[in-house]
Amino acid sequence: MGLQLPPMKTMRFRAVSWTALRSLGNSPSVRLSAIFPFVGYWILFNDFASQYLSMSALDARQANPGFLHWFSSSRLYFLYLGLLSLGIGSFIYQARCPYIIKKHADWSDYVIGDGDAMSDSQILSLGKVLAVVESGSGPTPGRENVRVYFMQRWYSNQSNEHPLSRLIVGVFFYAGLTLIAIPSIVSALKIAALFFLAS
């Protein structure tokens, strides 16, 4: 299982946990965006895609384009940069997120899914790596209590592994979603403005 942990008292960055990033990182659409940097350039300069996303009818009807028009005419670039950001974040997530976090939604799912398959010696190894056995602290006596306690601690520890990678992935995911949302928000504002001007 590769049970290797840094010292329990090492300083950690304040970054979102892998568990919190899991729903987005495991999403098929976000995982697919990892290939976007390879095809994004073609999409960005494809005439058909550009015309489809330009909403030229709305642009033509607006008398004073201004700031909203600039955002609207740049929507393809926002989409490109947003998907690129999600793709980079997804690539780092797949490379750095521990396997048990990608496989199991939370520690209880980890216990239910893998608990029965783990031998007593493996559970004892978890306790030693977590420095619980040596310190004398830990769960109340009982085979199942020990198993659940060590697996819960191990899952929590894995969820907080690689703090810098978690921080980077969180930034890329947040930036990507924000950039993708901007064109939709601007289009909604333009439609609202046209509606009020027409009324």
C-alpha atoms as a PDB file:
ATOM      1  CA  MET A   1       0.000   0.000   0.000  1.00  0.00           C
ATOM      2  CA  GLY A   2       2.998   2.305   0.205  1.00  0.00           C
ATOM      3  CA  LEU A   3       2.353   3.364   3.788  1.00  0.00           C
ATOM      4  CA  GLN A   4       4.635   6.354   4.036  1.00  0.00           C
ATOM      5  CA  LEU A   5       3.740   9.479   5.939  1.00  0.00           C
ATOM      6  CA  PRO A   6       5.571  12.652   6.886  1.00  0.00           C
ATOM      7  CA  PRO A   7       5.970  13.347  10.598  1.00  0.00           C
ATOM      8  CA  MET A   8       2.603  13.948  12.213  1.00  0.00           C
ATOM      9  CA  LYS A   9       3.551  17.462  13.415  1.00  0.00           C
ATOM     10  CA  THR A  10       4.779  18.879  10.103  1.00  0.00           C
ATOM     11  CA  MET A  11       3.403  22.265   9.154  1.00  0.00           C
ATOM     12  CA  ARG A  12       0.704  22.137   6.472  1.00  0.00           C
ATOM     13  CA  PHE A  13      -0.584  24.772   4.085  1.00  0.00           C
ATOM     14  CA  ARG A  14      -4.137  25.879   4.676  1.00  0.00           C
ATOM     15  CA  ALA A  15      -5.543  24.357   1.513  1.00  0.00           C
ATOM     16  CA  VAL A  16      -8.780  22.612   0.680  1.00  0.00           C
ATOM     17  CA  SER A  17      -8.617  18.851   1.288  1.00  0.00           C
ATOM     18  CA  TRP A  18      -8.501  16.238  -1.453  1.00  0.00           C
ATOM     19  CA  THR A  19     -11.884  15.025  -0.228  1.00  0.00           C
ATOM     20  CA  ALA A  20     -13.401  18.447  -0.929  1.00  0.00           C
ATOM     21  CA  LEU A  21     -11.786  18.519  -4.389  1.00  0.00           C
ATOM     22  CA  ARG A  22     -12.859  14.948  -5.145  1.00  0.00           C
ATOM     23  CA  SER A  23     -16.336  15.598  -6.586  1.00  0.00           C
ATOM     24  CA  LEU A  24     -14.938  18.015  -9.149  1.00  0.00           C
ATOM     25  CA  GLY A  25     -11.696  16.132  -9.769  1.00  0.00           C
ATOM     26  CA  ASN A  26     -13.511  12.824 -10.365  1.00  0.00           C
ATOM     27  CA  SER A  27     -16.118  14.420 -12.630  1.00  0.00           C
ATOM     28  CA  PRO A  28     -15.946  12.889 -16.137  1.00  0.00           C
ATOM     29  CA  SER A  29     -16.383  16.300 -17.787  1.00  0.00           C
ATOM     30  CA  VAL A  30     -13.538  17.830 -15.775  1.00  0.00           C
ATOM     31  CA  ARG A  31     -11.326  14.810 -16.438  1.00  0.00           C
ATOM     32  CA  LEU A  32     -12.093  15.196 -20.136  1.00  0.00           C
ATOM     33  CA  SER A  33     -11.003  18.840 -19.957  1.00  0.00           C
ATOM     34  CA  ALA A  34      -7.462  17.588 -19.283  1.00  0.00           C
ATOM     35  CA  ILE A  35      -7.119  16.993 -23.023  1.00  0.00           C
ATOM     36  CA  PHE A  36      -8.454  20.449 -23.854  1.00  0.00           C
ATOM     37  CA  PRO A  37      -5.040  22.166 -24.114  1.00  0.00           C
ATOM     38  CA  PHE A  38      -4.341  19.911 -27.112  1.00  0.00           C
ATOM     39  CA  VAL A  39      -7.528  20.788 -29.005  1.00  0.00           C
ATOM     40  CA  GLY A  40      -8.319  24.213 -27.564  1.00  0.00           C
ATOM     41  CA  TYR A  41      -6.316  26.130 -30.124  1.00  0.00           C
ATOM     42  CA  TRP A  42      -8.246  24.526 -32.965  1.00  0.00           C
ATOM     43  CA  ILE A  43     -11.589  25.329 -31.301  1.00  0.00           C
ATOM     44  CA  LEU A  44     -10.558  28.895 -30.532  1.00  0.00           C
ATOM     45  CA  PHE A  45      -9.802  29.722 -34.164  1.00  0.00           C
ATOM     46  CA  ASN A  46     -12.456  27.559 -35.805  1.00  0.00           C
ATOM     47  CA  ASP A  47     -14.769  29.857 -37.798  1.00  0.00           C
ATOM     48  CA  PHE A  48     -17.892  27.798 -37.194  1.00  0.00           C
ATOM     49  CA  ALA A  49     -17.368  27.653 -33.407  1.00  0.00           C
ATOM     50  CA  SER A  50     -16.581  31.354 -33.322  1.00  0.00           C
ATOM     51  CA  GLN A  51     -19.768  32.263 -35.189  1.00  0.00           C
ATOM     52  CA  TYR A  52     -21.857  29.870 -33.102  1.00  0.00           C
ATOM     53  CA  LEU A  53     -20.700  31.365 -29.831  1.00  0.00           C
ATOM     54  CA  SER A  54     -20.658  35.005 -30.910  1.00  0.00           C
ATOM     55  CA  MET A  55     -24.441  35.622 -30.545  1.00  0.00           C
ATOM     56  CA  SER A  56     -24.109  38.165 -33.363  1.00  0.00           C
ATOM     57  CA  ALA A  57     -27.816  38.916 -33.326  1.00  0.00           C
ATOM     58  CA  LEU A  58     -27.578  40.302 -29.820  1.00  0.00           C
ATOM     59  CA  ASP A  59     -24.376  42.171 -30.641  1.00  0.00           C
ATOM     60  CA  ALA A  60     -25.936  43.803 -33.705  1.00  0.00           C
ATOM     61  CA  ARG A  61     -28.981  45.068 -31.815  1.00  0.00           C
ATOM     62  CA  GLN A  62     -26.989  46.824 -29.124  1.00  0.00           C
ATOM     63  CA  ALA A  63     -26.515  50.505 -29.987  1.00  0.00           C
ATOM     64  CA  ASN A  64     -23.769  51.279 -27.473  1.00  0.00           C
ATOM     65  CA  PRO A  65     -21.588  48.175 -27.159  1.00  0.00           C
ATOM     66  CA  GLY A  66     -19.250  49.371 -24.416  1.00  0.00           C
ATOM     67  CA  PHE A  67     -17.953  47.159 -21.654  1.00  0.00           C
ATOM     68  CA  LEU A  68     -20.514  44.346 -21.959  1.00  0.00           C
ATOM     69  CA  HIS A  69     -19.877  44.088 -25.691  1.00  0.00           C
ATOM     70  CA  TRP A  70     -16.170  43.636 -25.096  1.00  0.00           C
ATOM     71  CA  PHE A  71     -16.881  40.787 -22.681  1.00  0.00           C
ATOM     72  CA  SER A  72     -19.390  39.266 -25.091  1.00  0.00           C
ATOM     73  CA  SER A  73     -17.038  39.383 -28.060  1.00  0.00           C
ATOM     74  CA  SER A  74     -14.338  37.769 -25.912  1.00  0.00           C
ATOM     75  CA  ARG A  75     -16.508  34.912 -24.614  1.00  0.00           C
ATOM     76  CA  LEU A  76     -14.636  32.319 -26.659  1.00  0.00           C
ATOM     77  CA  TYR A  77     -11.394  33.354 -24.996  1.00  0.00           C
ATOM     78  CA  PHE A  78     -12.967  33.095 -21.548  1.00  0.00           C
ATOM     79  CA  LEU A  79     -14.246  29.626 -22.445  1.00  0.00           C
ATOM     80  CA  TYR A  80     -10.835  28.594 -23.716  1.00  0.00           C
ATOM     81  CA  LEU A  81      -8.963  29.888 -20.657  1.00  0.00           C
ATOM     82  CA  GLY A  82     -11.551  28.392 -18.309  1.00  0.00           C
ATOM     83  CA  LEU A  83     -11.335  24.925 -19.846  1.00  0.00           C
ATOM     84  CA  LEU A  84      -7.564  25.213 -19.990  1.00  0.00           C
ATOM     85  CA  SER A  85      -7.484  26.027 -16.270  1.00  0.00           C
ATOM     86  CA  LEU A  86      -9.789  23.107 -15.446  1.00  0.00           C
ATOM     87  CA  GLY A  87      -7.644  20.831 -17.596  1.00  0.00           C
ATOM     88  CA  ILE A  88      -4.446  21.782 -15.797  1.00  0.00           C
ATOM     89  CA  GLY A  89      -6.137  21.365 -12.422  1.00  0.00           C
ATOM     90  CA  SER A  90      -7.522  17.976 -13.451  1.00  0.00           C
ATOM     91  CA  PHE A  91      -4.105  16.796 -14.640  1.00  0.00           C
ATOM     92  CA  ILE A  92      -2.487  17.733 -11.307  1.00  0.00           C
ATOM     93  CA  TYR A  93      -5.396  16.187  -9.383  1.00  0.00           C
ATOM     94  CA  GLN A  94      -5.051  12.864 -11.194  1.00  0.00           C
ATOM     95  CA  ALA A  95      -1.290  12.866 -10.659  1.00  0.00           C
ATOM     96  CA  ARG A  96      -1.176  13.920  -6.996  1.00  0.00           C
ATOM     97  CA  CYS A  97      -4.434  12.931  -5.315  1.00  0.00           C
ATOM     98  CA  PRO A  98      -4.021   9.696  -3.291  1.00  0.00           C
ATOM     99  CA  TYR A  99      -5.743   6.682  -4.794  1.00  0.00           C
ATOM    100  CA  ILE A 100      -7.989   5.942  -1.808  1.00  0.00           C
ATOM    101  CA  ILE A 101      -9.426   9.477  -1.978  1.00  0.00           C
ATOM    102  CA  LYS A 102     -10.224   9.109  -5.670  1.00  0.00           C
ATOM    103  CA  LYS A 103     -11.755   5.690  -5.011  1.00  0.00           C
ATOM    104  CA  HIS A 104     -13.730   6.383  -1.806  1.00  0.00           C
ATOM    105  CA  ALA A 105     -16.049   9.328  -1.098  1.00  0.00           C
ATOM    106  CA  ASP A 106     -15.288   9.404   2.647  1.00  0.00           C
ATOM    107  CA  TRP A 107     -13.645   7.382   5.399  1.00  0.00           C
ATOM    108  CA  SER A 108     -16.752   5.283   6.109  1.00  0.00           C
ATOM    109  CA  ASP A 109     -16.903   4.259   2.446  1.00  0.00           C
ATOM    110  CA  TYR A 110     -13.216   3.370   2.706  1.00  0.00           C
ATOM    111  CA  VAL A 111     -13.850   1.186   5.768  1.00  0.00           C
ATOM    112  CA  ILE A 112     -16.835  -0.551   4.158  1.00  0.00           C
ATOM    113  CA  GLY A 113     -15.107  -1.023   0.816  1.00  0.00           C
ATOM    114  CA  ASP A 114     -11.609  -2.081   1.870  1.00  0.00           C
ATOM    115  CA  GLY A 115     -11.865  -2.927   5.567  1.00  0.00           C
ATOM    116  CA  ASP A 116     -12.676  -6.621   5.191  1.00  0.00           C
ATOM    117  CA  ALA A 117      -9.890  -7.108   2.645  1.00  0.00           C
ATOM    118  CA  MET A 118      -7.194  -5.769   4.990  1.00  0.00           C
ATOM    119  CA  SER A 119      -5.396  -8.233   7.223  1.00  0.00           C
ATOM    120  CA  ASP A 120      -4.617  -7.638  10.892  1.00  0.00           C
ATOM    121  CA  SER A 121      -0.957  -7.117  10.039  1.00  0.00           C
ATOM    122  CA  GLN A 122      -1.865  -4.399   7.534  1.00  0.00           C
ATOM    123  CA  ILE A 123      -4.021  -2.666  10.112  1.00  0.00           C
ATOM    124  CA  LEU A 124      -1.168  -2.883  12.620  1.00  0.00           C
ATOM    125  CA  SER A 125       1.155  -1.389  10.010  1.00  0.00           C
ATOM    126  CA  LEU A 126      -1.248   1.539   9.630  1.00  0.00           C
ATOM    127  CA  GLY A 127      -1.107   2.102  13.369  1.00  0.00           C
ATOM    128  CA  LYS A 128       2.685   2.074  13.366  1.00  0.00           C
ATOM    129  CA  VAL A 129       2.946   4.470  10.442  1.00  0.00           C
ATOM    130  CA  LEU A 130       0.431   6.772  12.112  1.00  0.00           C
ATOM    131  CA  ALA A 131       2.547   6.601  15.305  1.00  0.00           C
ATOM    132  CA  VAL A 132      -0.498   5.530  17.325  1.00  0.00           C
ATOM    133  CA  VAL A 133       0.739   2.126  18.454  1.00  0.00           C
ATOM    134  CA  GLU A 134       4.059   3.465  19.723  1.00  0.00           C
ATOM    135  CA  SER A 135       2.520   6.403  21.566  1.00  0.00           C
ATOM    136  CA  GLY A 136       0.056   4.197  23.383  1.00  0.00           C
ATOM    137  CA  SER A 137      -2.908   6.367  22.395  1.00  0.00           C
ATOM    138  CA  GLY A 138      -5.616   5.078  20.149  1.00  0.00           C
ATOM    139  CA  PRO A 139      -8.963   3.318  20.097  1.00  0.00           C
ATOM    140  CA  THR A 140     -10.594   1.285  22.799  1.00  0.00           C
ATOM    141  CA  PRO A 141      -9.687  -2.432  22.755  1.00  0.00           C
ATOM    142  CA  GLY A 142     -11.537  -4.547  20.239  1.00  0.00           C
ATOM    143  CA  ARG A 143     -10.547  -5.736  16.798  1.00  0.00           C
ATOM    144  CA  GLU A 144     -13.217  -3.808  14.863  1.00  0.00           C
ATOM    145  CA  ASN A 145     -12.702  -0.584  16.840  1.00  0.00           C
ATOM    146  CA  VAL A 146      -8.988  -0.675  16.083  1.00  0.00           C
ATOM    147  CA  ARG A 147      -9.598  -1.391  12.399  1.00  0.00           C
ATOM    148  CA  VAL A 148     -12.087   1.465  11.966  1.00  0.00           C
ATOM    149  CA  TYR A 149      -9.990   3.915  13.985  1.00  0.00           C
ATOM    150  CA  PHE A 150      -6.769   3.320  12.057  1.00  0.00           C
ATOM    151  CA  MET A 151      -8.516   3.366   8.684  1.00  0.00           C
ATOM    152  CA  GLN A 152     -10.323   6.588   9.554  1.00  0.00           C
ATOM    153  CA  ARG A 153      -7.060   8.217  10.605  1.00  0.00           C
ATOM    154  CA  TRP A 154      -5.296   6.971   7.476  1.00  0.00           C
ATOM    155  CA  TYR A 155      -8.042   8.305   5.184  1.00  0.00           C
ATOM    156  CA  SER A 156      -7.955  11.691   6.922  1.00  0.00           C
ATOM    157  CA  ASN A 157      -4.180  11.825   6.624  1.00  0.00           C
ATOM    158  CA  GLN A 158      -4.274  10.954   2.923  1.00  0.00           C
ATOM    159  CA  SER A 159      -6.914  13.627   2.345  1.00  0.00           C
ATOM    160  CA  ASN A 160      -4.434  16.210   3.650  1.00  0.00           C
ATOM    161  CA  GLU A 161      -1.402  14.932   1.752  1.00  0.00           C
ATOM    162  CA  HIS A 162       0.532  17.182  -0.679  1.00  0.00           C
ATOM    163  CA  PRO A 163      -0.736  20.551   0.599  1.00  0.00           C
ATOM    164  CA  LEU A 164       0.891  22.620  -2.148  1.00  0.00           C
ATOM    165  CA  SER A 165      -0.656  20.420  -4.846  1.00  0.00           C
ATOM    166  CA  ARG A 166      -4.067  20.764  -3.191  1.00  0.00           C
ATOM    167  CA  LEU A 167      -3.681  24.537  -3.135  1.00  0.00           C
ATOM    168  CA  ILE A 168      -2.694  24.657  -6.817  1.00  0.00           C
ATOM    169  CA  VAL A 169      -5.529  22.353  -7.885  1.00  0.00           C
ATOM    170  CA  GLY A 170      -8.034  24.404  -5.886  1.00  0.00           C
ATOM    171  CA  VAL A 171      -6.854  27.645  -7.525  1.00  0.00           C
ATOM    172  CA  PHE A 172      -7.025  26.174 -11.041  1.00  0.00           C
ATOM    173  CA  PHE A 173     -10.481  24.687 -10.449  1.00  0.00           C
ATOM    174  CA  TYR A 174     -11.823  27.933  -8.987  1.00  0.00           C
ATOM    175  CA  ALA A 175     -10.306  30.052 -11.773  1.00  0.00           C
ATOM    176  CA  GLY A 176     -11.601  27.684 -14.452  1.00  0.00           C
ATOM    177  CA  LEU A 177     -15.175  27.683 -13.184  1.00  0.00           C
ATOM    178  CA  THR A 178     -15.117  31.470 -12.792  1.00  0.00           C
ATOM    179  CA  LEU A 179     -13.825  32.063 -16.322  1.00  0.00           C
ATOM    180  CA  ILE A 180     -16.399  29.695 -17.822  1.00  0.00           C
ATOM    181  CA  ALA A 181     -19.214  31.402 -15.881  1.00  0.00           C
ATOM    182  CA  ILE A 182     -18.318  34.935 -17.041  1.00  0.00           C
ATOM    183  CA  PRO A 183     -19.697  34.612 -20.624  1.00  0.00           C
ATOM    184  CA  SER A 184     -23.008  33.238 -19.333  1.00  0.00           C
ATOM    185  CA  ILE A 185     -23.349  36.047 -16.799  1.00  0.00           C
ATOM    186  CA  VAL A 186     -22.511  38.715 -19.381  1.00  0.00           C
ATOM    187  CA  SER A 187     -24.961  37.222 -21.889  1.00  0.00           C
ATOM    188  CA  ALA A 188     -27.690  37.243 -19.248  1.00  0.00           C
ATOM    189  CA  LEU A 189     -26.949  40.903 -18.494  1.00  0.00           C
ATOM    190  CA  LYS A 190     -27.101  41.775 -22.190  1.00  0.00           C
ATOM    191  CA  ILE A 191     -30.433  40.006 -22.602  1.00  0.00           C
ATOM    192  CA  ALA A 192     -31.765  41.816 -19.538  1.00  0.00           C
ATOM    193  CA  ALA A 193     -30.523  45.149 -20.904  1.00  0.00           C
ATOM    194  CA  LEU A 194     -32.168  44.530 -24.284  1.00  0.00           C
ATOM    195  CA  PHE A 195     -35.398  43.532 -22.560  1.00  0.00           C
ATOM    196  CA  PHE A 196     -35.538  46.731 -20.490  1.00  0.00           C
ATOM    197  CA  LEU A 197     -34.574  48.907 -23.490  1.00  0.00           C
ATOM    198  CA  ALA A 198     -37.300  47.351 -25.586  1.00  0.00           C
ATOM    199  CA  SER A 199     -39.973  47.816 -22.919  1.00  0.00           C
END
